Amino acid sequence: MIYLNGDFMPIEEARIPVLDRGFIFGDGVYEVIPVYSRKPFRLAEHLLRLQHSLDGIRLSNPHSDKKWSELLEQIIAGNESDDQSLYLHVTRGVARREHAFPKGVMPTVFIMSNPLLAPPEELLATGVAAITANDNRWLRCDIKAISLLPNVLLRQMATDVGAIETVLLREGFMTEGAASNIFVIKEGILLAPPKNHLMLPGITYDVVLELAAANEIPHEVREVSEYEVRTAEEILLTSSTKEIMPITRLDDKPVGDGKPGTMFTLLHQLYQNYKSTVMRGNANVSAF
């Protein structure tokens, strides 16, 4: 079951007019929210990021947080899996094709759910491969825009060589992955690039840094150089659907000793513990 502009229906029945500005211009934003045991993970933070994206494209939020919560609860209840990945999609609506914003047009609101599968244990045990590429996207990567063609092309570069992700570099520094945030461990310190217009502020990124602070794990939020990426002891990939995964090969060369490291093992366990506290209704990272 999905939601589209006020109605719940099977996804096969959903229809979008061809003049929807999301279809014509990619004029819209989206959000992805993981659900564990039928409970949205960090819903308030996801809705705050949605608001940031809407503000970034000058589109009024069509719903209050309370209304979003109600809609999401109905979508969760209307789909089978206990663990789900919710997808929210808001465009500027249907109007004559014209670059300038139309007036008096209702936004298009679409919500769907897919089963959320945990990262395979074999990949957590061995790690995954990634490549690097020049970050050639626009300069407002902090907006979770639906116009994702640059990300698609960058991610496909990894897929073409059997890798899982592309680590993006801009002017000698790392920004993020094509569809993830990236952490680097150098000299035992967890390094994270700072939030700015060149990267999407990840919710899992926030959790990792909160866990590091709560557990006295050495960490720094600062620009991470390409040299630090290429000489890292460990590299971690984070996202709402992949959680935390170790990158053990980069550009077909081993990262560190080519195996998941101690920082990954520690953070992965802390993250799983934190998920359990959320499922029990406690969102405090210091609660375990």
Protein backbone atom coordinates (compact mmCIF):
# COMPACT_ATOMS: atom_id res chain seq x y z
CA MET A 1 0.00 0.00 0.00
CA ILE A 2 1.18 3.50 -0.88
CA TYR A 3 -0.08 7.04 -0.27
CA LEU A 4 -0.57 9.53 -3.10
CA ASN A 5 -2.16 12.96 -2.71
CA GLY A 6 -4.66 12.08 -0.02
CA ASP A 7 -5.43 8.48 -0.99
CA PHE A 8 -4.09 5.09 0.07
CA MET A 9 -3.94 2.49 -2.68
CA PRO A 10 -1.93 -0.41 -4.13
CA ILE A 11 1.16 0.92 -5.90
CA GLU A 12 -0.06 -0.56 -9.19
CA GLU A 13 -2.98 1.89 -9.16
CA ALA A 14 -0.89 5.02 -8.58
CA ARG A 15 -0.74 7.57 -11.40
CA ILE A 16 1.20 10.84 -11.75
CA PRO A 17 0.34 13.43 -14.46
CA VAL A 18 3.10 13.87 -17.03
CA LEU A 19 3.20 17.61 -16.25
CA ASP A 20 4.19 17.00 -12.65
CA ARG A 21 7.26 19.17 -12.07
CA GLY A 22 9.01 16.22 -10.45
CA PHE A 23 8.77 14.38 -13.78
CA ILE A 24 9.53 17.40 -15.96
CA PHE A 25 12.22 19.17 -13.91
CA GLY A 26 13.16 16.88 -11.02
CA ASP A 27 11.65 19.71 -8.95
CA GLY A 28 11.18 18.05 -5.60
CA VAL A 29 12.78 16.46 -2.57
CA TYR A 30 12.63 13.12 -0.82
CA GLU A 31 13.42 11.39 2.44
CA VAL A 32 14.15 7.78 3.42
CA ILE A 33 13.26 6.55 6.90
CA PRO A 34 14.17 3.10 8.26
CA VAL A 35 11.58 1.30 10.36
CA TYR A 36 12.54 -1.36 12.91
CA SER A 37 9.85 -3.54 14.53
CA ARG A 38 7.28 -1.15 13.00
CA LYS A 39 8.83 1.88 14.72
CA PRO A 40 10.31 4.68 12.57
CA PHE A 41 13.96 5.27 13.42
CA ARG A 42 14.72 8.85 14.44
CA LEU A 43 11.55 10.18 12.85
CA ALA A 44 11.94 13.70 14.25
CA GLU A 45 15.42 14.01 12.76
CA HIS A 46 14.25 12.73 9.37
CA LEU A 47 11.34 15.17 9.29
CA LEU A 48 13.70 17.99 10.24
CA ARG A 49 15.94 17.06 7.31
CA LEU A 50 12.89 16.95 5.05
CA GLN A 51 12.03 20.48 6.18
CA HIS A 52 15.59 21.60 5.43
CA SER A 53 15.31 20.19 1.90
CA LEU A 54 11.92 21.82 1.34
CA ASP A 55 13.26 25.14 2.57
CA GLY A 56 16.23 24.72 0.23
CA ILE A 57 13.96 24.56 -2.84
CA ARG A 58 11.50 27.15 -1.47
CA LEU A 59 8.58 24.74 -1.25
CA SER A 60 6.14 24.93 1.66
CA ASN A 61 5.80 21.78 3.72
CA PRO A 62 2.43 20.25 2.79
CA HIS A 63 2.01 18.64 6.24
CA SER A 64 2.75 19.19 9.90
CA ASP A 65 5.03 16.71 11.66
CA LYS A 66 1.93 15.28 13.35
CA LYS A 67 0.23 14.68 10.00
CA TRP A 68 3.39 13.12 8.53
CA SER A 69 3.57 10.80 11.54
CA GLU A 70 -0.05 9.74 11.06
CA LEU A 71 0.46 9.04 7.35
CA LEU A 72 3.60 7.05 7.99
CA GLU A 73 1.91 5.00 10.71
CA GLN A 74 -0.81 4.04 8.22
CA ILE A 75 1.74 3.08 5.57
CA ILE A 76 3.69 0.97 8.09
CA ALA A 77 0.49 -0.76 9.20
CA GLY A 78 -0.59 -1.35 5.59
CA ASN A 79 2.58 -3.22 4.61
CA GLU A 80 3.71 -6.65 5.74
CA SER A 81 7.31 -6.32 6.92
CA ASP A 82 8.15 -5.44 10.50
CA ASP A 83 11.33 -3.75 9.23
CA GLN A 84 10.63 -1.30 6.40
CA SER A 85 12.24 1.47 4.40
CA LEU A 86 9.85 4.39 4.00
CA TYR A 87 10.24 6.67 0.99
CA LEU A 88 8.68 10.18 1.08
CA HIS A 89 8.56 12.21 -2.13
CA VAL A 90 7.31 15.80 -2.44
CA THR A 91 7.28 17.73 -5.72
CA ARG A 92 6.09 21.25 -6.57
CA GLY A 93 3.03 19.77 -8.24
CA VAL A 94 1.41 19.80 -11.68
CA ALA A 95 1.63 22.90 -13.86
CA ARG A 96 2.34 24.09 -17.39
CA ARG A 97 5.99 23.55 -18.27
CA GLU A 98 7.66 26.79 -17.25
CA HIS A 99 10.86 27.20 -15.25
CA ALA A 100 9.43 29.84 -12.89
CA PHE A 101 7.52 28.56 -9.87
CA PRO A 102 3.80 28.16 -10.61
CA LYS A 103 1.27 29.87 -8.35
CA GLY A 104 -1.65 28.20 -6.61
CA VAL A 105 -0.43 24.64 -7.27
CA MET A 106 -0.74 21.85 -4.71
CA PRO A 107 2.43 19.80 -4.08
CA THR A 108 2.46 16.15 -5.06
CA VAL A 109 2.99 13.92 -2.01
CA PHE A 110 3.92 10.27 -2.43
CA ILE A 111 4.86 7.72 0.26
CA MET A 112 5.79 4.08 -0.25
CA SER A 113 7.39 1.30 1.75
CA ASN A 114 9.82 -1.48 0.89
CA PRO A 115 11.06 -4.31 3.11
CA LEU A 116 14.23 -3.29 4.95
CA LEU A 117 16.86 -6.01 4.84
CA ALA A 118 19.82 -5.97 7.20
CA PRO A 119 23.26 -5.88 5.54
CA PRO A 120 24.33 -9.48 4.80
CA GLU A 121 26.51 -10.99 7.52
CA GLU A 122 29.09 -12.13 4.95
CA LEU A 123 29.64 -8.53 3.82
CA LEU A 124 30.01 -7.36 7.40
CA ALA A 125 32.57 -10.12 7.93
CA THR A 126 34.61 -9.44 4.80
CA GLY A 127 33.88 -5.80 4.00
CA VAL A 128 32.98 -4.31 0.65
CA ALA A 129 34.83 -2.72 -2.25
CA ALA A 130 34.56 0.92 -3.30
CA ILE A 131 36.15 3.21 -5.87
CA THR A 132 36.92 6.92 -5.89
CA ALA A 133 35.78 9.55 -8.35
CA ASN A 134 35.70 13.31 -8.75
CA ASP A 135 32.64 14.84 -7.12
CA ASN A 136 31.07 16.63 -10.09
CA ARG A 137 27.62 17.24 -8.56
CA TRP A 138 25.98 20.61 -7.94
CA LEU A 139 26.85 22.77 -4.92
CA ARG A 140 23.71 22.14 -2.84
CA CYS A 141 24.27 18.51 -1.89
CA ASP A 142 22.73 19.25 1.52
CA ILE A 143 19.32 19.26 -0.20
CA LYS A 144 17.91 15.75 -0.60
CA ALA A 145 16.68 16.49 -4.10
CA ILE A 146 15.00 13.94 -6.36
CA SER A 147 17.19 15.06 -9.30
CA LEU A 148 19.80 12.38 -8.60
CA LEU A 149 21.29 11.75 -12.04
CA PRO A 150 24.85 12.73 -11.01
CA ASN A 151 24.64 10.36 -8.03
CA VAL A 152 23.23 7.63 -10.25
CA LEU A 153 26.10 7.96 -12.72
CA LEU A 154 28.71 8.02 -9.96
CA ARG A 155 27.20 4.99 -8.28
CA GLN A 156 27.04 3.14 -11.60
CA MET A 157 30.80 3.61 -11.97
CA ALA A 158 31.18 1.43 -8.87
CA THR A 159 28.64 -1.11 -10.06
CA ASP A 160 30.45 -1.44 -13.39
CA VAL A 161 33.58 -2.75 -11.63
CA GLY A 162 31.83 -4.88 -9.01
CA ALA A 163 32.14 -2.35 -6.18
CA ILE A 164 29.35 -1.24 -3.86
CA GLU A 165 30.00 2.50 -3.58
CA THR A 166 31.89 5.49 -5.02
CA VAL A 167 33.80 7.67 -2.55
CA LEU A 168 33.66 11.25 -3.81
CA LEU A 169 36.61 13.66 -3.82
CA ARG A 170 36.46 17.38 -4.47
CA GLU A 171 39.58 19.57 -4.72
CA GLY A 172 41.71 17.18 -2.69
CA PHE A 173 39.17 16.44 0.04
CA MET A 174 36.51 13.77 0.60
CA THR A 175 32.86 14.82 0.60
CA GLU A 176 30.75 11.64 0.90
CA GLY A 177 29.67 8.58 -1.07
CA ALA A 178 27.35 8.59 -4.07
CA ALA A 179 24.59 7.26 -1.79
CA SER A 180 26.15 7.27 1.68
CA ASN A 181 28.30 9.11 4.18
CA ILE A 182 31.93 8.04 4.61
CA PHE A 183 34.09 7.92 7.73
CA VAL A 184 37.86 7.44 7.77
CA ILE A 185 39.96 6.04 10.62
CA LYS A 186 43.46 7.46 10.65
CA GLU A 187 45.93 6.88 13.50
CA GLY A 188 43.08 5.50 15.60
CA ILE A 189 40.92 8.61 15.20
CA LEU A 190 37.47 8.52 13.61
CA LEU A 191 37.39 11.30 11.01
CA ALA A 192 34.17 12.76 9.60
CA PRO A 193 33.82 15.52 7.01
CA PRO A 194 31.88 18.51 8.36
CA LYS A 195 28.28 19.18 7.45
CA ASN A 196 28.09 21.80 4.72
CA HIS A 197 26.56 22.37 1.30
CA LEU A 198 28.84 19.72 -0.27
CA MET A 199 27.35 16.73 1.53
CA LEU A 200 24.00 15.40 2.67
CA PRO A 201 23.71 15.45 6.47
CA GLY A 202 23.10 11.78 7.18
CA ILE A 203 20.99 10.60 10.11
CA THR A 204 23.22 7.55 10.58
CA TYR A 205 26.22 9.91 10.33
CA ASP A 206 24.78 11.78 13.33
CA VAL A 207 24.23 8.58 15.30
CA VAL A 208 27.81 7.40 14.70
CA LEU A 209 29.23 10.69 15.99
CA GLU A 210 26.90 10.64 19.01
CA LEU A 211 27.97 7.08 19.80
CA ALA A 212 31.62 8.07 19.48
CA ALA A 213 31.14 10.97 21.90
CA ALA A 214 29.11 8.92 24.39
CA ASN A 215 31.72 6.14 24.43
CA GLU A 216 34.84 8.33 24.45
CA ILE A 217 35.96 7.16 21.02
CA PRO A 218 38.54 9.61 19.60
CA HIS A 219 36.93 11.48 16.74
CA GLU A 220 37.25 14.69 14.77
CA VAL A 221 34.82 16.50 12.48
CA ARG A 222 36.93 18.31 9.89
CA GLU A 223 37.95 18.20 6.27
CA VAL A 224 39.40 14.81 5.36
CA SER A 225 42.12 14.89 2.73
CA GLU A 226 42.39 12.51 -0.20
CA TYR A 227 45.73 11.40 1.24
CA GLU A 228 44.04 10.41 4.52
CA VAL A 229 41.42 8.46 2.58
CA ARG A 230 44.03 6.56 0.57
CA THR A 231 46.19 5.78 3.61
CA ALA A 232 43.37 5.07 6.06
CA GLU A 233 43.47 2.23 8.55
CA GLU A 234 39.73 1.75 8.08
CA ILE A 235 36.96 3.30 5.99
CA LEU A 236 33.30 3.07 6.98
CA LEU A 237 30.17 3.58 4.90
CA THR A 238 26.96 4.68 6.61
CA SER A 239 23.38 5.15 5.43
CA SER A 240 19.83 4.62 6.66
CA THR A 241 19.46 1.34 4.77
CA LYS A 242 23.03 -0.02 4.99
CA GLU A 243 23.62 1.15 8.58
CA ILE A 244 27.41 0.81 9.06
CA MET A 245 29.55 -1.22 6.66
CA PRO A 246 33.33 -1.59 6.36
CA ILE A 247 35.04 -0.68 3.09
CA THR A 248 38.01 -3.02 2.89
CA ARG A 249 39.11 -2.35 -0.71
CA LEU A 250 39.40 1.05 -2.38
CA ASP A 251 40.30 1.38 -6.06
CA ASP A 252 41.22 -2.32 -5.97
CA LYS A 253 43.74 -1.83 -3.15
CA PRO A 254 43.31 -3.07 0.43
CA VAL A 255 42.26 -0.61 3.10
CA GLY A 256 44.55 -1.25 6.07
CA ASP A 257 45.06 -5.00 6.25
CA GLY A 258 42.08 -5.58 3.94
CA LYS A 259 39.79 -6.78 6.74
CA PRO A 260 37.10 -5.06 8.85
CA GLY A 261 38.89 -3.29 11.69
CA THR A 262 38.39 -2.77 15.40
CA MET A 263 36.65 0.60 14.96
CA PHE A 264 34.04 -0.95 12.68
CA THR A 265 33.47 -3.83 15.09
CA LEU A 266 33.00 -1.46 18.01
CA LEU A 267 30.73 1.02 16.22
CA HIS A 268 28.67 -1.73 14.61
CA GLN A 269 27.95 -3.28 18.01
CA LEU A 270 27.17 0.08 19.57
CA TYR A 271 24.80 0.88 16.72
CA GLN A 272 22.96 -2.43 17.11
CA ASN A 273 22.64 -1.80 20.84
CA TYR A 274 21.30 1.67 20.15
CA LYS A 275 18.73 0.29 17.71
CA SER A 276 17.52 -2.03 20.46
CA THR A 277 17.04 0.89 22.84
CA VAL A 278 15.03 2.73 20.16
CA MET A 279 12.79 -0.29 19.70
CA ARG A 280 12.19 -0.25 23.47
CA GLY A 281 11.23 3.42 23.26
CA ASN A 282 14.46 5.01 24.52
CA ALA A 283 16.32 7.19 22.00
CA ASN A 284 19.23 8.15 24.28
CA VAL A 285 22.59 6.98 22.93
CA SER A 286 23.87 6.76 26.51
CA ALA A 287 21.10 4.40 27.59
CA PHE A 288 23.10 1.18 27.29
